[in-house]
Amino acid sequence: MTNDRSRWANLILGLVCSAGAASVSVAAAPFAIYNETTDTVFVGVYLAPENTGNWGANQALNDKDHVLDTSERLLLNGIEPRRYDVKLVDRTGRSCMLKGVDLTRDRSFEISDQDLKDCH
């Protein structure tokens, strides 16, 4: 009988540890941005909590060549689930703003040519 209790205890402990490990791996999934534009390379990618203007570090520096190329994914550091304003700066110095990007449900978002129509 003691052997059966020990087996059950080990089984339950294993299930609890597995569930805990699964939730940790989900929580650790990184946030990312995808550049789906046809030919725009970004040298600056800045995020600020929505409507604050408190811009964080240049996320483009996270990439190996320090730019967000066309058809590339960029991992975002120091980001938590919330809504963000995103400032993008391309190689020519043109600046674009995406307002209210929702990262509360999704862990990534895309930039398309349509997003760049009001850049200066």
C-alpha atoms as a PDB file:
ATOM      1  CA  MET A   1       0.000   0.000   0.000  1.00  0.00           C
ATOM      2  CA  THR A   2       2.860   2.384   0.760  1.00  0.00           C
ATOM      3  CA  ASN A   3       4.272   1.669  -2.695  1.00  0.00           C
ATOM      4  CA  ASP A   4       0.939   2.649  -4.313  1.00  0.00           C
ATOM      5  CA  ARG A   5       0.834   5.923  -2.328  1.00  0.00           C
ATOM      6  CA  SER A   6       4.390   6.687  -3.342  1.00  0.00           C
ATOM      7  CA  ARG A   7       3.572   6.062  -7.008  1.00  0.00           C
ATOM      8  CA  TRP A   8       0.511   8.285  -6.820  1.00  0.00           C
ATOM      9  CA  ALA A   9       2.484  11.013  -5.064  1.00  0.00           C
ATOM     10  CA  ASN A  10       5.206  10.838  -7.727  1.00  0.00           C
ATOM     11  CA  LEU A  11       2.608  10.903 -10.518  1.00  0.00           C
ATOM     12  CA  ILE A  12       0.854  13.943  -9.046  1.00  0.00           C
ATOM     13  CA  LEU A  13       4.163  15.722  -8.443  1.00  0.00           C
ATOM     14  CA  GLY A  14       5.195  15.008 -12.046  1.00  0.00           C
ATOM     15  CA  LEU A  15       1.917  16.385 -13.408  1.00  0.00           C
ATOM     16  CA  VAL A  16       2.182  19.539 -11.283  1.00  0.00           C
ATOM     17  CA  CYS A  17       5.788  20.110 -12.401  1.00  0.00           C
ATOM     18  CA  SER A  18       4.869  19.529 -16.049  1.00  0.00           C
ATOM     19  CA  ALA A  19       1.979  21.986 -15.856  1.00  0.00           C
ATOM     20  CA  GLY A  20       4.221  24.566 -14.208  1.00  0.00           C
ATOM     21  CA  ALA A  21       6.904  24.133 -16.871  1.00  0.00           C
ATOM     22  CA  ALA A  22       4.322  24.498 -19.644  1.00  0.00           C
ATOM     23  CA  SER A  23       2.998  27.766 -18.223  1.00  0.00           C
ATOM     24  CA  VAL A  24       6.524  29.122 -17.819  1.00  0.00           C
ATOM     25  CA  SER A  25       7.390  28.372 -21.456  1.00  0.00           C
ATOM     26  CA  VAL A  26       4.216  30.091 -22.665  1.00  0.00           C
ATOM     27  CA  ALA A  27       4.879  33.145 -20.496  1.00  0.00           C
ATOM     28  CA  ALA A  28       8.437  33.365 -21.797  1.00  0.00           C
ATOM     29  CA  ALA A  29       7.384  33.559 -25.457  1.00  0.00           C
ATOM     30  CA  PRO A  30       8.938  36.719 -26.921  1.00  0.00           C
ATOM     31  CA  PHE A  31       7.136  39.629 -28.530  1.00  0.00           C
ATOM     32  CA  ALA A  32       8.022  40.282 -32.174  1.00  0.00           C
ATOM     33  CA  ILE A  33       7.419  42.652 -35.064  1.00  0.00           C
ATOM     34  CA  TYR A  34       7.336  41.545 -38.716  1.00  0.00           C
ATOM     35  CA  ASN A  35       8.359  43.863 -41.553  1.00  0.00           C
ATOM     36  CA  GLU A  36       5.975  42.919 -44.358  1.00  0.00           C
ATOM     37  CA  THR A  37       6.721  46.014 -46.466  1.00  0.00           C
ATOM     38  CA  THR A  38       7.915  45.614 -50.042  1.00  0.00           C
ATOM     39  CA  ASP A  39      11.173  47.569 -49.676  1.00  0.00           C
ATOM     40  CA  THR A  40      11.401  49.611 -46.463  1.00  0.00           C
ATOM     41  CA  VAL A  41      14.269  48.989 -44.047  1.00  0.00           C
ATOM     42  CA  PHE A  42      13.913  50.430 -40.553  1.00  0.00           C
ATOM     43  CA  VAL A  43      16.892  51.683 -38.548  1.00  0.00           C
ATOM     44  CA  GLY A  44      14.705  52.786 -35.634  1.00  0.00           C
ATOM     45  CA  VAL A  45      11.906  50.864 -33.911  1.00  0.00           C
ATOM     46  CA  TYR A  46      10.696  52.483 -30.685  1.00  0.00           C
ATOM     47  CA  LEU A  47       7.772  51.534 -28.463  1.00  0.00           C
ATOM     48  CA  ALA A  48       6.000  53.623 -25.838  1.00  0.00           C
ATOM     49  CA  PRO A  49       3.002  52.718 -23.710  1.00  0.00           C
ATOM     50  CA  GLU A  50      -0.005  54.111 -25.592  1.00  0.00           C
ATOM     51  CA  ASN A  51      -0.374  57.913 -25.433  1.00  0.00           C
ATOM     52  CA  THR A  52       2.631  58.446 -23.124  1.00  0.00           C
ATOM     53  CA  GLY A  53       5.462  59.425 -25.465  1.00  0.00           C
ATOM     54  CA  ASN A  54       7.839  57.520 -23.142  1.00  0.00           C
ATOM     55  CA  TRP A  55       9.862  55.901 -25.907  1.00  0.00           C
ATOM     56  CA  GLY A  56      11.963  52.916 -25.024  1.00  0.00           C
ATOM     57  CA  ALA A  57      15.287  51.865 -26.491  1.00  0.00           C
ATOM     58  CA  ASN A  58      15.755  51.347 -30.222  1.00  0.00           C
ATOM     59  CA  GLN A  59      14.558  47.772 -30.709  1.00  0.00           C
ATOM     60  CA  ALA A  60      16.238  47.586 -34.151  1.00  0.00           C
ATOM     61  CA  LEU A  61      19.525  47.268 -32.268  1.00  0.00           C
ATOM     62  CA  ASN A  62      18.349  43.799 -31.167  1.00  0.00           C
ATOM     63  CA  ASP A  63      18.934  42.552 -34.715  1.00  0.00           C
ATOM     64  CA  LYS A  64      22.320  41.201 -35.758  1.00  0.00           C
ATOM     65  CA  ASP A  65      22.807  43.982 -38.338  1.00  0.00           C
ATOM     66  CA  HIS A  66      20.917  46.594 -36.253  1.00  0.00           C
ATOM     67  CA  VAL A  67      18.139  47.134 -38.803  1.00  0.00           C
ATOM     68  CA  LEU A  68      14.710  45.638 -39.443  1.00  0.00           C
ATOM     69  CA  ASP A  69      14.910  44.490 -43.052  1.00  0.00           C
ATOM     70  CA  THR A  70      12.019  43.710 -45.379  1.00  0.00           C
ATOM     71  CA  SER A  71      10.502  40.266 -44.671  1.00  0.00           C
ATOM     72  CA  GLU A  72      12.326  40.041 -41.361  1.00  0.00           C
ATOM     73  CA  ARG A  73      11.136  39.331 -37.836  1.00  0.00           C
ATOM     74  CA  LEU A  74      12.540  41.370 -34.950  1.00  0.00           C
ATOM     75  CA  LEU A  75      12.294  40.207 -31.339  1.00  0.00           C
ATOM     76  CA  LEU A  76      11.297  42.945 -28.896  1.00  0.00           C
ATOM     77  CA  ASN A  77      13.063  43.217 -25.536  1.00  0.00           C
ATOM     78  CA  GLY A  78      11.644  44.597 -22.290  1.00  0.00           C
ATOM     79  CA  ILE A  79       8.038  44.481 -23.506  1.00  0.00           C
ATOM     80  CA  GLU A  80       5.023  43.447 -21.464  1.00  0.00           C
ATOM     81  CA  PRO A  81       1.445  42.850 -22.583  1.00  0.00           C
ATOM     82  CA  ARG A  82      -0.260  46.237 -23.150  1.00  0.00           C
ATOM     83  CA  ARG A  83      -1.122  48.703 -25.922  1.00  0.00           C
ATOM     84  CA  TYR A  84       1.792  50.569 -27.511  1.00  0.00           C
ATOM     85  CA  ASP A  85       2.489  53.415 -29.865  1.00  0.00           C
ATOM     86  CA  VAL A  86       5.263  52.446 -32.263  1.00  0.00           C
ATOM     87  CA  LYS A  87       7.632  54.902 -33.920  1.00  0.00           C
ATOM     88  CA  LEU A  88       9.464  53.625 -36.995  1.00  0.00           C
ATOM     89  CA  VAL A  89      12.377  55.390 -38.677  1.00  0.00           C
ATOM     90  CA  ASP A  90      13.523  54.247 -42.111  1.00  0.00           C
ATOM     91  CA  ARG A  91      16.974  54.618 -43.680  1.00  0.00           C
ATOM     92  CA  THR A  92      16.079  57.968 -45.286  1.00  0.00           C
ATOM     93  CA  GLY A  93      15.116  59.434 -41.891  1.00  0.00           C
ATOM     94  CA  ARG A  94      11.384  59.313 -42.615  1.00  0.00           C
ATOM     95  CA  SER A  95       9.405  58.707 -39.425  1.00  0.00           C
ATOM     96  CA  CYS A  96       6.123  56.826 -39.063  1.00  0.00           C
ATOM     97  CA  MET A  97       3.818  56.309 -36.118  1.00  0.00           C
ATOM     98  CA  LEU A  98       1.537  53.353 -35.423  1.00  0.00           C
ATOM     99  CA  LYS A  99      -0.911  54.210 -32.647  1.00  0.00           C
ATOM    100  CA  GLY A 100      -2.460  51.755 -30.214  1.00  0.00           C
ATOM    101  CA  VAL A 101      -0.805  48.502 -31.278  1.00  0.00           C
ATOM    102  CA  ASP A 102      -2.478  45.896 -29.080  1.00  0.00           C
ATOM    103  CA  LEU A 103      -0.046  43.419 -27.542  1.00  0.00           C
ATOM    104  CA  THR A 104      -2.423  42.283 -24.815  1.00  0.00           C
ATOM    105  CA  ARG A 105      -3.701  39.289 -26.808  1.00  0.00           C
ATOM    106  CA  ASP A 106      -1.143  38.850 -29.577  1.00  0.00           C
ATOM    107  CA  ARG A 107       2.610  38.490 -29.145  1.00  0.00           C
ATOM    108  CA  SER A 108       3.447  40.026 -32.515  1.00  0.00           C
ATOM    109  CA  PHE A 109       2.318  42.530 -35.109  1.00  0.00           C
ATOM    110  CA  GLU A 110       3.128  43.339 -38.725  1.00  0.00           C
ATOM    111  CA  ILE A 111       4.142  46.490 -40.544  1.00  0.00           C
ATOM    112  CA  SER A 112       2.759  46.762 -44.078  1.00  0.00           C
ATOM    113  CA  ASP A 113       3.129  49.315 -46.856  1.00  0.00           C
ATOM    114  CA  GLN A 114      -0.345  50.608 -45.949  1.00  0.00           C
ATOM    115  CA  ASP A 115       0.959  51.545 -42.466  1.00  0.00           C
ATOM    116  CA  LEU A 116       3.530  53.881 -44.053  1.00  0.00           C
ATOM    117  CA  LYS A 117       1.155  56.139 -46.035  1.00  0.00           C
ATOM    118  CA  ASP A 118       1.295  59.029 -43.493  1.00  0.00           C
ATOM    119  CA  CYS A 119       5.051  59.036 -42.832  1.00  0.00           C
ATOM    120  CA  HIS A 120       7.072  62.270 -42.862  1.00  0.00           C
END
